[in-house]
Amino acid sequence: MKFSERVLEYETSRKSRLDAISGPAKESIITFSMRTVEGKTRFTSTNDLKFGGFYKLVGPLIIPKMRKDVVNSLGNVKRVLDLKRLHKHIFNE
């Protein structure tokens, strides 16, 4: 699915809030936030999805797949960051 987003709010290393301006979920609000909990980074994604047209009917069916894709993508990000942290530790950078 292709879509475009507009940045509504941005705080470096803390929060991003986006508005979908085109695509099947136009006018949806997506918020990403990060905070430190017990020495680790907690990443939260909150989505207020508003499907239109054909996607209004199938939206409830594709949400589980979207959720799974986000979890997989975030797992990949975590692995990359962990490898960078390990590299820094090994090579004292």
N, C-alpha and C. Protein backbone atom coordinates (compact mmCIF):
# COMPACT_ATOMS: atom_id res chain seq x y z
N MET A 1 0.83 -1.18 0.00
CA MET A 1 0.00 0.00 0.00
C MET A 1 0.88 1.25 0.00
N LYS A 2 0.56 2.17 -0.86
CA LYS A 2 1.28 3.43 -0.90
C LYS A 2 0.45 4.50 -0.20
N PHE A 3 1.16 5.37 0.50
CA PHE A 3 0.49 6.48 1.16
C PHE A 3 1.51 7.57 1.43
N SER A 4 1.03 8.76 1.70
CA SER A 4 1.89 9.89 2.05
C SER A 4 1.47 10.40 3.41
N GLU A 5 2.45 10.92 4.15
CA GLU A 5 2.16 11.43 5.49
C GLU A 5 2.72 12.84 5.65
N ARG A 6 2.11 13.57 6.55
CA ARG A 6 2.57 14.92 6.89
C ARG A 6 2.95 14.89 8.38
N VAL A 7 4.07 15.51 8.71
CA VAL A 7 4.52 15.56 10.10
C VAL A 7 3.71 16.63 10.84
N LEU A 8 3.04 16.23 11.91
CA LEU A 8 2.25 17.16 12.71
C LEU A 8 3.03 17.63 13.93
N GLU A 9 3.88 16.74 14.45
CA GLU A 9 4.64 17.04 15.66
C GLU A 9 5.92 16.23 15.63
N TYR A 10 7.01 16.82 16.12
CA TYR A 10 8.28 16.11 16.15
C TYR A 10 9.13 16.61 17.31
N GLU A 11 9.57 15.69 18.15
CA GLU A 11 10.51 15.99 19.23
C GLU A 11 11.67 15.02 19.05
N THR A 12 12.87 15.53 18.82
CA THR A 12 14.03 14.69 18.56
C THR A 12 14.18 13.60 19.62
N SER A 13 14.30 12.36 19.15
CA SER A 13 14.51 11.17 20.00
C SER A 13 13.40 10.93 21.01
N ARG A 14 12.24 11.55 20.82
CA ARG A 14 11.14 11.36 21.78
C ARG A 14 9.80 11.03 21.12
N LYS A 15 9.42 11.81 20.10
CA LYS A 15 8.06 11.66 19.59
C LYS A 15 7.93 12.14 18.15
N SER A 16 7.13 11.41 17.37
CA SER A 16 6.73 11.83 16.03
C SER A 16 5.23 11.58 15.90
N ARG A 17 4.53 12.55 15.34
CA ARG A 17 3.09 12.39 15.12
C ARG A 17 2.83 12.74 13.66
N LEU A 18 2.22 11.80 12.94
CA LEU A 18 2.03 11.93 11.51
C LEU A 18 0.56 11.86 11.14
N ASP A 19 0.21 12.52 10.05
CA ASP A 19 -1.14 12.51 9.51
C ASP A 19 -1.05 11.92 8.10
N ALA A 20 -1.79 10.85 7.83
CA ALA A 20 -1.82 10.27 6.48
C ALA A 20 -2.62 11.21 5.59
N ILE A 21 -1.99 11.70 4.52
CA ILE A 21 -2.67 12.66 3.65
C ILE A 21 -3.12 12.04 2.33
N SER A 22 -2.70 10.79 2.09
CA SER A 22 -3.19 10.06 0.92
C SER A 22 -3.09 8.57 1.19
N GLY A 23 -3.77 7.80 0.39
CA GLY A 23 -3.75 6.35 0.56
C GLY A 23 -5.03 5.83 1.16
N PRO A 24 -5.08 4.52 1.44
CA PRO A 24 -6.31 3.89 1.91
C PRO A 24 -6.74 4.31 3.31
N ALA A 25 -5.81 4.85 4.09
CA ALA A 25 -6.15 5.27 5.46
C ALA A 25 -5.95 6.78 5.62
N LYS A 26 -6.39 7.53 4.62
CA LYS A 26 -6.27 8.99 4.63
C LYS A 26 -6.91 9.55 5.90
N GLU A 27 -6.27 10.56 6.48
CA GLU A 27 -6.71 11.23 7.70
C GLU A 27 -6.47 10.42 8.96
N SER A 28 -5.71 9.34 8.86
CA SER A 28 -5.32 8.57 10.04
C SER A 28 -4.18 9.29 10.75
N ILE A 29 -4.12 9.16 12.05
CA ILE A 29 -3.05 9.75 12.84
C ILE A 29 -2.18 8.62 13.40
N ILE A 30 -0.87 8.74 13.20
CA ILE A 30 0.07 7.74 13.66
C ILE A 30 1.07 8.43 14.57
N THR A 31 1.24 7.91 15.78
CA THR A 31 2.15 8.50 16.75
C THR A 31 3.20 7.48 17.17
N PHE A 32 4.46 7.89 17.12
CA PHE A 32 5.58 7.07 17.59
C PHE A 32 6.20 7.80 18.77
N SER A 33 6.43 7.10 19.86
CA SER A 33 7.10 7.73 21.00
C SER A 33 8.14 6.79 21.59
N MET A 34 9.18 7.40 22.17
CA MET A 34 10.24 6.63 22.81
C MET A 34 10.49 7.22 24.19
N ARG A 35 10.72 6.32 25.15
CA ARG A 35 11.08 6.77 26.50
C ARG A 35 11.94 5.70 27.15
N THR A 36 12.68 6.09 28.15
CA THR A 36 13.54 5.15 28.85
C THR A 36 12.80 4.55 30.03
N VAL A 37 12.81 3.21 30.10
CA VAL A 37 12.18 2.47 31.18
C VAL A 37 13.20 1.45 31.68
N GLU A 38 13.60 1.58 32.94
CA GLU A 38 14.57 0.66 33.54
C GLU A 38 15.83 0.52 32.69
N GLY A 39 16.34 1.65 32.20
CA GLY A 39 17.57 1.64 31.43
C GLY A 39 17.45 1.17 30.00
N LYS A 40 16.25 0.87 29.55
CA LYS A 40 16.03 0.42 28.17
C LYS A 40 15.06 1.37 27.48
N THR A 41 15.13 1.38 26.16
CA THR A 41 14.24 2.25 25.39
C THR A 41 12.93 1.54 25.11
N ARG A 42 11.83 2.21 25.45
CA ARG A 42 10.49 1.69 25.17
C ARG A 42 9.95 2.47 23.98
N PHE A 43 9.63 1.75 22.91
CA PHE A 43 9.09 2.35 21.69
C PHE A 43 7.61 2.02 21.63
N THR A 44 6.79 3.03 21.42
CA THR A 44 5.34 2.84 21.35
C THR A 44 4.82 3.43 20.05
N SER A 45 3.96 2.68 19.38
CA SER A 45 3.31 3.15 18.16
C SER A 45 1.80 3.12 18.42
N THR A 46 1.17 4.27 18.26
CA THR A 46 -0.28 4.38 18.43
C THR A 46 -0.88 4.82 17.11
N ASN A 47 -1.88 4.09 16.64
CA ASN A 47 -2.46 4.38 15.33
C ASN A 47 -3.96 4.58 15.44
N ASP A 48 -4.42 5.73 15.00
CA ASP A 48 -5.85 6.00 14.90
C ASP A 48 -6.17 5.91 13.41
N LEU A 49 -6.54 4.70 12.96
CA LEU A 49 -6.74 4.44 11.53
C LEU A 49 -8.17 4.74 11.11
N LYS A 50 -8.29 5.44 9.99
CA LYS A 50 -9.60 5.75 9.41
C LYS A 50 -9.54 5.34 7.95
N PHE A 51 -10.10 4.20 7.65
CA PHE A 51 -10.09 3.69 6.29
C PHE A 51 -11.22 4.30 5.49
N GLY A 52 -11.00 4.45 4.18
CA GLY A 52 -12.03 4.97 3.30
C GLY A 52 -12.25 4.04 2.12
N GLY A 53 -13.36 4.20 1.44
CA GLY A 53 -13.68 3.44 0.24
C GLY A 53 -13.67 1.94 0.48
N PHE A 54 -13.08 1.21 -0.46
CA PHE A 54 -12.99 -0.25 -0.38
C PHE A 54 -12.33 -0.71 0.92
N TYR A 55 -11.32 0.04 1.37
CA TYR A 55 -10.57 -0.34 2.57
C TYR A 55 -11.40 -0.22 3.84
N LYS A 56 -12.50 0.52 3.77
CA LYS A 56 -13.39 0.60 4.93
C LYS A 56 -13.99 -0.78 5.21
N LEU A 57 -14.23 -1.55 4.15
CA LEU A 57 -14.77 -2.90 4.30
C LEU A 57 -13.71 -3.92 4.71
N VAL A 58 -12.53 -3.83 4.09
CA VAL A 58 -11.49 -4.84 4.34
C VAL A 58 -10.50 -4.42 5.43
N GLY A 59 -10.57 -3.17 5.87
CA GLY A 59 -9.65 -2.68 6.90
C GLY A 59 -9.54 -3.59 8.11
N PRO A 60 -10.67 -3.99 8.70
CA PRO A 60 -10.58 -4.88 9.86
C PRO A 60 -9.88 -6.20 9.56
N LEU A 61 -9.89 -6.62 8.32
CA LEU A 61 -9.23 -7.88 7.95
C LEU A 61 -7.71 -7.71 7.78
N ILE A 62 -7.27 -6.51 7.41
CA ILE A 62 -5.83 -6.32 7.16
C ILE A 62 -5.08 -5.77 8.37
N ILE A 63 -5.79 -5.30 9.38
CA ILE A 63 -5.12 -4.75 10.57
C ILE A 63 -4.20 -5.77 11.24
N PRO A 64 -4.60 -7.03 11.42
CA PRO A 64 -3.66 -7.99 12.03
C PRO A 64 -2.36 -8.14 11.23
N LYS A 65 -2.45 -8.13 9.90
CA LYS A 65 -1.26 -8.22 9.05
C LYS A 65 -0.40 -6.97 9.22
N MET A 66 -1.02 -5.81 9.27
CA MET A 66 -0.28 -4.57 9.46
C MET A 66 0.44 -4.60 10.80
N ARG A 67 -0.25 -5.06 11.85
CA ARG A 67 0.35 -5.14 13.18
C ARG A 67 1.57 -6.07 13.17
N LYS A 68 1.42 -7.22 12.51
CA LYS A 68 2.52 -8.19 12.41
C LYS A 68 3.71 -7.58 11.66
N ASP A 69 3.45 -6.86 10.58
CA ASP A 69 4.51 -6.22 9.81
C ASP A 69 5.27 -5.18 10.65
N VAL A 70 4.54 -4.41 11.45
CA VAL A 70 5.18 -3.41 12.31
C VAL A 70 6.06 -4.09 13.35
N VAL A 71 5.55 -5.14 13.97
CA VAL A 71 6.33 -5.88 14.98
C VAL A 71 7.60 -6.45 14.35
N ASN A 72 7.48 -7.03 13.15
CA ASN A 72 8.66 -7.57 12.47
C ASN A 72 9.66 -6.47 12.13
N SER A 73 9.18 -5.35 11.64
CA SER A 73 10.07 -4.23 11.29
C SER A 73 10.80 -3.70 12.52
N LEU A 74 10.08 -3.57 13.61
CA LEU A 74 10.71 -3.07 14.84
C LEU A 74 11.72 -4.08 15.38
N GLY A 75 11.44 -5.36 15.22
CA GLY A 75 12.40 -6.39 15.61
C GLY A 75 13.69 -6.24 14.82
N ASN A 76 13.58 -5.95 13.54
CA ASN A 76 14.77 -5.72 12.70
C ASN A 76 15.54 -4.49 13.16
N VAL A 77 14.83 -3.42 13.49
CA VAL A 77 15.49 -2.21 13.98
C VAL A 77 16.24 -2.53 15.27
N LYS A 78 15.61 -3.26 16.17
CA LYS A 78 16.25 -3.62 17.44
C LYS A 78 17.52 -4.43 17.20
N ARG A 79 17.46 -5.39 16.29
CA ARG A 79 18.64 -6.22 15.99
C ARG A 79 19.79 -5.36 15.46
N VAL A 80 19.49 -4.43 14.57
CA VAL A 80 20.53 -3.56 14.02
C VAL A 80 21.14 -2.70 15.13
N LEU A 81 20.30 -2.12 15.97
CA LEU A 81 20.81 -1.28 17.06
C LEU A 81 21.63 -2.10 18.05
N ASP A 82 21.19 -3.31 18.36
CA ASP A 82 21.96 -4.19 19.26
C ASP A 82 23.31 -4.53 18.66
N LEU A 83 23.38 -4.79 17.36
CA LEU A 83 24.65 -5.09 16.71
C LEU A 83 25.59 -3.88 16.74
N LYS A 84 25.04 -2.69 16.52
CA LYS A 84 25.86 -1.48 16.59
C LYS A 84 26.41 -1.29 18.00
N ARG A 85 25.57 -1.53 19.01
CA ARG A 85 25.99 -1.38 20.40
C ARG A 85 27.09 -2.40 20.72
N LEU A 86 26.94 -3.64 20.25
CA LEU A 86 27.93 -4.69 20.46
C LEU A 86 29.25 -4.32 19.77
N HIS A 87 29.16 -3.82 18.55
CA HIS A 87 30.36 -3.41 17.80
C HIS A 87 31.10 -2.32 18.57
N LYS A 88 30.36 -1.34 19.08
CA LYS A 88 30.97 -0.25 19.87
C LYS A 88 31.68 -0.81 21.09
N HIS A 89 31.04 -1.75 21.76
CA HIS A 89 31.59 -2.34 22.98
C HIS A 89 32.87 -3.13 22.67
N ILE A 90 32.85 -3.93 21.62
CA ILE A 90 34.00 -4.77 21.27
C ILE A 90 35.20 -3.92 20.84
N PHE A 91 34.94 -2.90 20.04
CA PHE A 91 36.02 -2.10 19.48
C PHE A 91 36.26 -0.79 20.26
N ASN A 92 35.62 -0.66 21.41
CA ASN A 92 35.79 0.51 22.29
C ASN A 92 35.66 1.83 21.55
N GLU A 93 34.64 1.94 20.74
CA GLU A 93 34.42 3.18 19.97
C GLU A 93 33.55 4.13 20.74
